[in-house]
Amino acid sequence: MSLTDEAISRIRALVRSGDLPPGARLPPEHQLAAQLGVSRNPLREAVKALVVARVLDVRRGDGTYVTSLEPRLLLEGLGLAVELLRDDTLLEIVQVRRMLEPAATALAASLISAGQLAEVGEHLAAMRAARDDVEKLNHHDAAFHHAVVRAAGNETLSTLLEGISGRTLRMRVWRGTVEDGSSHTTIAQHEAIYNALAAGDAALAQAAALVHIGTTETWLRSVLENVEAPAAGAGGDRAPAGTGIAGGLWPEPAEEETR
């Protein structure tokens, strides 16, 4: 372990133990270095690393503080990491979503307020209105799911799911472009989720979400199987005709998605 890693480990231990609770100001550099038993250069590098990780916050002219350590703050870098994953890991991302989101939807059915249900309903209505506009439909599709997951009241779960949503949104836009009738199916599945939430039926909400995400996973598997199959006369190094795949499975959207 390097000296910087050792300094990081010791600062984290102070945070975990409560000696440096959320919002606490770190001692002056020389004092903290002596307390941790490290020199000042590794300590500075450790502080920089923990600032990037959103554990610490340097306030110029004031000092260095422990952040709130809230899940949304600590996990906000997840979305960027997921965006950098290769296309061949996308199925794994969808599988993670399948494992987590139905459970979150079931929890939301038990806890959702009238105002939160109204927000979900507004996004569903917007999806119906945008059934012929794939990108707009999928924008409200993502917002629908975000509203449902937030209603579950678990910030860690909500942050994790939002972190992977951007990567799967481009895939869903592409599916809507190439698959006939996908918008009708998508809207019908979201209506089933909404109705289960409105009824407060956790089991039904979980089942409806599982069917919805399972449909996406099945479609993705079929696409990946076609991509892996060698294209006739292309030596196996090109995607099959009609998939629209060039330099990556999913084309970049015209505009940055709103999360």
Protein backbone atom coordinates (compact mmCIF):
# COMPACT_ATOMS: atom_id res chain seq x y z
CA MET A 1 0.00 0.00 0.00
CA SER A 2 1.39 3.42 -0.97
CA LEU A 3 1.72 6.24 1.55
CA THR A 4 -1.17 8.04 -0.13
CA ASP A 5 -3.37 4.96 0.08
CA GLU A 6 -2.44 4.62 3.74
CA ALA A 7 -3.44 8.23 4.38
CA ILE A 8 -6.75 7.68 2.56
CA SER A 9 -7.42 4.58 4.64
CA ARG A 10 -6.74 6.41 7.90
CA ILE A 11 -8.95 9.38 7.03
CA ARG A 12 -11.74 7.00 6.02
CA ALA A 13 -11.34 5.22 9.35
CA LEU A 14 -11.86 8.53 11.16
CA VAL A 15 -14.98 9.18 9.10
CA ARG A 16 -16.39 5.68 9.66
CA SER A 17 -15.73 5.80 13.41
CA GLY A 18 -17.54 9.11 13.76
CA ASP A 19 -14.43 10.99 14.85
CA LEU A 20 -14.96 13.03 11.68
CA PRO A 21 -18.76 13.06 11.24
CA PRO A 22 -20.60 14.64 8.27
CA GLY A 23 -19.99 18.38 8.23
CA ALA A 24 -16.91 18.19 10.48
CA ARG A 25 -13.91 20.39 9.72
CA LEU A 26 -10.59 18.57 9.40
CA PRO A 27 -7.75 19.67 11.68
CA PRO A 28 -5.01 21.84 10.14
CA GLU A 29 -2.77 19.94 7.75
CA HIS A 30 0.25 19.69 10.04
CA GLN A 31 -1.89 18.54 12.93
CA LEU A 32 -3.76 15.94 10.89
CA ALA A 33 -0.51 14.63 9.38
CA ALA A 34 0.91 14.12 12.86
CA GLN A 35 -2.32 12.51 14.06
CA LEU A 36 -2.34 10.04 11.16
CA GLY A 37 1.39 9.40 11.26
CA VAL A 38 1.96 10.38 7.63
CA SER A 39 3.92 13.14 5.93
CA ARG A 40 2.16 16.14 4.47
CA ASN A 41 2.63 15.31 0.76
CA PRO A 42 0.78 11.95 0.92
CA LEU A 43 -1.86 13.64 3.08
CA ARG A 44 -2.45 16.28 0.40
CA GLU A 45 -2.81 13.61 -2.26
CA ALA A 46 -5.20 11.68 -0.04
CA VAL A 47 -7.35 14.77 0.48
CA LYS A 48 -7.45 15.37 -3.29
CA ALA A 49 -8.61 11.79 -3.88
CA LEU A 50 -11.30 12.03 -1.22
CA VAL A 51 -12.51 15.34 -2.66
CA VAL A 52 -12.99 13.62 -6.03
CA ALA A 53 -14.88 10.83 -4.23
CA ARG A 54 -17.10 13.50 -2.60
CA VAL A 55 -16.07 12.44 0.89
CA LEU A 56 -14.30 15.75 1.54
CA ASP A 57 -14.96 19.30 0.42
CA VAL A 58 -12.21 21.93 0.29
CA ARG A 59 -13.51 25.43 0.94
CA ARG A 60 -10.97 28.04 -0.01
CA GLY A 61 -10.03 30.28 2.87
CA ASP A 62 -12.06 28.19 5.30
CA GLY A 63 -10.70 24.66 5.45
CA THR A 64 -11.53 21.09 4.48
CA TYR A 65 -14.80 19.53 5.60
CA VAL A 66 -16.43 16.14 5.54
CA THR A 67 -19.39 16.27 3.15
CA SER A 68 -22.93 15.21 4.03
CA LEU A 69 -22.00 11.66 2.91
CA GLU A 70 -25.52 11.28 1.50
CA PRO A 71 -25.95 8.44 -1.04
CA ARG A 72 -26.83 10.80 -3.88
CA LEU A 73 -23.58 12.69 -3.37
CA LEU A 74 -21.29 9.70 -2.93
CA LEU A 75 -22.82 7.68 -5.77
CA GLU A 76 -23.28 10.46 -8.31
CA GLY A 77 -20.19 9.34 -10.21
CA LEU A 78 -21.85 6.00 -10.97
CA GLY A 79 -23.62 7.36 -14.04
CA LEU A 80 -20.33 8.49 -15.60
CA ALA A 81 -18.73 5.13 -14.90
CA VAL A 82 -21.65 3.29 -16.48
CA GLU A 83 -21.51 5.55 -19.54
CA LEU A 84 -17.91 4.39 -20.10
CA LEU A 85 -18.78 0.68 -20.06
CA ARG A 86 -18.51 -1.17 -23.34
CA ASP A 87 -21.63 -2.13 -25.29
CA ASP A 88 -21.00 -5.80 -24.57
CA THR A 89 -21.73 -5.17 -20.88
CA LEU A 90 -25.12 -3.59 -21.56
CA LEU A 91 -26.97 -6.85 -20.99
CA GLU A 92 -25.45 -7.00 -17.51
CA ILE A 93 -26.73 -3.48 -16.80
CA VAL A 94 -30.25 -4.45 -17.86
CA GLN A 95 -30.01 -7.54 -15.66
CA VAL A 96 -29.06 -5.37 -12.68
CA ARG A 97 -32.04 -3.17 -13.42
CA ARG A 98 -34.27 -6.27 -13.57
CA MET A 99 -33.05 -7.36 -10.15
CA LEU A 100 -33.50 -3.98 -8.47
CA GLU A 101 -36.32 -2.03 -10.09
CA PRO A 102 -39.24 -4.47 -9.61
CA ALA A 103 -38.45 -4.57 -5.88
CA ALA A 104 -38.32 -0.77 -5.79
CA THR A 105 -41.64 -0.60 -7.64
CA ALA A 106 -43.23 -2.97 -5.12
CA LEU A 107 -41.99 -0.78 -2.27
CA ALA A 108 -43.31 2.31 -4.02
CA ALA A 109 -46.78 0.75 -4.27
CA SER A 110 -46.88 0.56 -0.48
CA LEU A 111 -45.54 4.07 0.15
CA ILE A 112 -46.49 6.30 -2.79
CA SER A 113 -48.35 9.49 -1.90
CA ALA A 114 -51.17 11.04 -3.89
CA GLY A 115 -48.82 13.74 -5.15
CA GLN A 116 -46.18 11.22 -6.21
CA LEU A 117 -48.79 9.08 -7.97
CA ALA A 118 -50.01 12.19 -9.80
CA GLU A 119 -46.44 12.87 -10.99
CA VAL A 120 -46.15 9.31 -12.31
CA GLY A 121 -49.52 9.75 -14.05
CA GLU A 122 -48.37 12.97 -15.70
CA HIS A 123 -45.39 11.21 -17.24
CA LEU A 124 -47.65 8.39 -18.42
CA ALA A 125 -49.98 10.90 -20.08
CA ALA A 126 -46.97 12.56 -21.72
CA MET A 127 -45.85 9.16 -23.02
CA ARG A 128 -49.27 8.62 -24.61
CA ALA A 129 -49.10 12.05 -26.25
CA ALA A 130 -45.59 11.34 -27.58
CA ARG A 131 -46.23 7.83 -28.89
CA ASP A 132 -45.04 8.89 -32.37
CA ASP A 133 -41.95 10.74 -31.09
CA VAL A 134 -39.49 8.09 -29.94
CA GLU A 135 -37.02 10.35 -28.16
CA LYS A 136 -39.70 12.35 -26.34
CA LEU A 137 -41.55 9.17 -25.38
CA ASN A 138 -38.39 7.68 -23.92
CA HIS A 139 -37.58 10.90 -22.07
CA HIS A 140 -40.89 10.59 -20.23
CA ASP A 141 -40.37 6.83 -19.93
CA ALA A 142 -37.18 7.50 -17.93
CA ALA A 143 -38.89 10.22 -15.88
CA PHE A 144 -41.77 7.82 -15.14
CA HIS A 145 -39.37 5.26 -13.69
CA HIS A 146 -37.41 7.87 -11.76
CA ALA A 147 -40.62 9.11 -10.15
CA VAL A 148 -41.66 5.57 -9.22
CA VAL A 149 -38.30 4.70 -7.69
CA ARG A 150 -38.12 7.96 -5.75
CA ALA A 151 -41.53 7.11 -4.28
CA ALA A 152 -39.95 4.02 -2.72
CA GLY A 153 -38.18 6.36 -0.30
CA ASN A 154 -34.77 4.68 -0.58
CA GLU A 155 -32.21 7.24 -1.74
CA THR A 156 -29.44 4.69 -2.22
CA LEU A 157 -31.62 2.51 -4.43
CA SER A 158 -32.89 5.53 -6.35
CA THR A 159 -29.36 6.79 -6.99
CA LEU A 160 -28.14 3.38 -8.16
CA LEU A 161 -31.00 2.98 -10.61
CA GLU A 162 -30.71 6.53 -11.94
CA GLY A 163 -26.99 5.90 -12.41
CA ILE A 164 -27.64 3.14 -14.94
CA SER A 165 -30.65 4.73 -16.64
CA GLY A 166 -28.72 6.95 -19.04
CA ARG A 167 -26.91 3.97 -20.54
CA THR A 168 -30.12 2.04 -21.13
CA LEU A 169 -32.08 5.06 -22.38
CA ARG A 170 -30.14 5.22 -25.68
CA MET A 171 -30.84 1.54 -26.15
CA ARG A 172 -34.57 2.10 -25.59
CA VAL A 173 -34.62 5.00 -28.05
CA TRP A 174 -32.98 2.77 -30.65
CA ARG A 175 -35.46 -0.01 -29.99
CA GLY A 176 -38.32 2.41 -30.57
CA THR A 177 -36.75 3.41 -33.86
CA VAL A 178 -36.27 -0.06 -35.33
CA GLU A 179 -39.06 -2.15 -33.79
CA ASP A 180 -42.61 -1.72 -35.08
CA GLY A 181 -45.24 -1.41 -32.36
CA SER A 182 -42.75 -0.97 -29.53
CA SER A 183 -44.34 2.31 -28.39
CA HIS A 184 -47.74 0.64 -28.02
CA THR A 185 -46.22 -2.16 -25.96
CA THR A 186 -44.18 0.25 -23.85
CA ILE A 187 -47.17 2.44 -23.02
CA ALA A 188 -49.35 -0.57 -22.17
CA GLN A 189 -46.71 -1.91 -19.79
CA HIS A 190 -46.36 1.45 -18.08
CA GLU A 191 -50.13 1.64 -17.72
CA ALA A 192 -50.03 -1.72 -15.94
CA ILE A 193 -47.37 -0.42 -13.55
CA TYR A 194 -49.35 2.77 -12.89
CA ASN A 195 -52.60 0.87 -12.24
CA ALA A 196 -50.84 -1.40 -9.75
CA LEU A 197 -49.39 1.62 -7.96
CA ALA A 198 -52.79 3.31 -7.88
CA ALA A 199 -54.28 0.15 -6.37
CA GLY A 200 -51.52 -0.05 -3.78
CA ASP A 201 -50.85 -3.63 -4.84
CA ALA A 202 -47.16 -4.30 -4.20
CA ALA A 203 -47.12 -7.81 -5.68
CA LEU A 204 -48.86 -6.69 -8.86
CA ALA A 205 -46.58 -3.64 -9.19
CA GLN A 206 -43.52 -5.84 -8.87
CA ALA A 207 -44.84 -8.29 -11.46
CA ALA A 208 -45.73 -5.49 -13.90
CA ALA A 209 -42.25 -3.96 -13.60
CA LEU A 210 -40.63 -7.36 -14.03
CA VAL A 211 -42.61 -8.03 -17.22
CA HIS A 212 -41.67 -4.61 -18.58
CA ILE A 213 -37.93 -4.92 -17.94
CA GLY A 214 -37.95 -8.58 -18.98
CA THR A 215 -39.35 -7.57 -22.37
CA THR A 216 -36.46 -5.16 -22.85
CA GLU A 217 -33.94 -7.79 -21.81
CA THR A 218 -35.39 -10.34 -24.23
CA TRP A 219 -35.20 -7.85 -27.09
CA LEU A 220 -31.62 -6.94 -26.21
CA ARG A 221 -30.58 -10.60 -26.17
CA SER A 222 -31.94 -11.05 -29.68
CA VAL A 223 -30.06 -7.98 -30.91
CA LEU A 224 -26.79 -9.15 -29.38
CA GLU A 225 -27.22 -12.60 -30.90
CA ASN A 226 -27.59 -10.98 -34.33
CA VAL A 227 -24.53 -8.82 -33.76
CA GLU A 228 -22.44 -11.83 -32.78
CA ALA A 229 -23.52 -13.79 -35.84
CA PRO A 230 -21.03 -13.23 -38.71
CA ALA A 231 -22.39 -11.08 -41.50
CA ALA A 232 -22.55 -12.91 -44.79
CA GLY A 233 -19.53 -12.06 -46.95
CA ALA A 234 -18.11 -9.62 -44.41
CA GLY A 235 -15.64 -11.90 -42.73
CA GLY A 236 -17.51 -11.60 -39.45
CA ASP A 237 -16.25 -8.11 -38.76
CA ARG A 238 -19.40 -6.17 -39.56
CA ALA A 239 -22.82 -6.02 -37.98
CA PRO A 240 -25.76 -7.59 -39.83
CA ALA A 241 -27.55 -5.34 -42.29
CA GLY A 242 -30.54 -3.52 -40.86
CA THR A 243 -29.29 -3.30 -37.28
CA GLY A 244 -28.09 0.26 -37.63
CA ILE A 245 -24.96 -0.58 -35.69
CA ALA A 246 -21.81 1.29 -36.60
CA GLY A 247 -18.95 1.76 -34.20
CA GLY A 248 -21.22 0.86 -31.27
CA LEU A 249 -24.60 -0.66 -30.65
CA TRP A 250 -26.53 2.52 -30.05
CA PRO A 251 -26.15 5.82 -31.91
CA GLU A 252 -25.63 8.88 -29.76
CA PRO A 253 -28.82 10.91 -29.23
CA ALA A 254 -29.26 14.22 -30.99
CA GLU A 255 -29.37 16.00 -27.63
CA GLU A 256 -28.11 15.14 -24.17
CA GLU A 257 -30.73 13.14 -22.26
CA THR A 258 -32.27 14.79 -19.26
CA ARG A 259 -31.83 12.73 -16.11
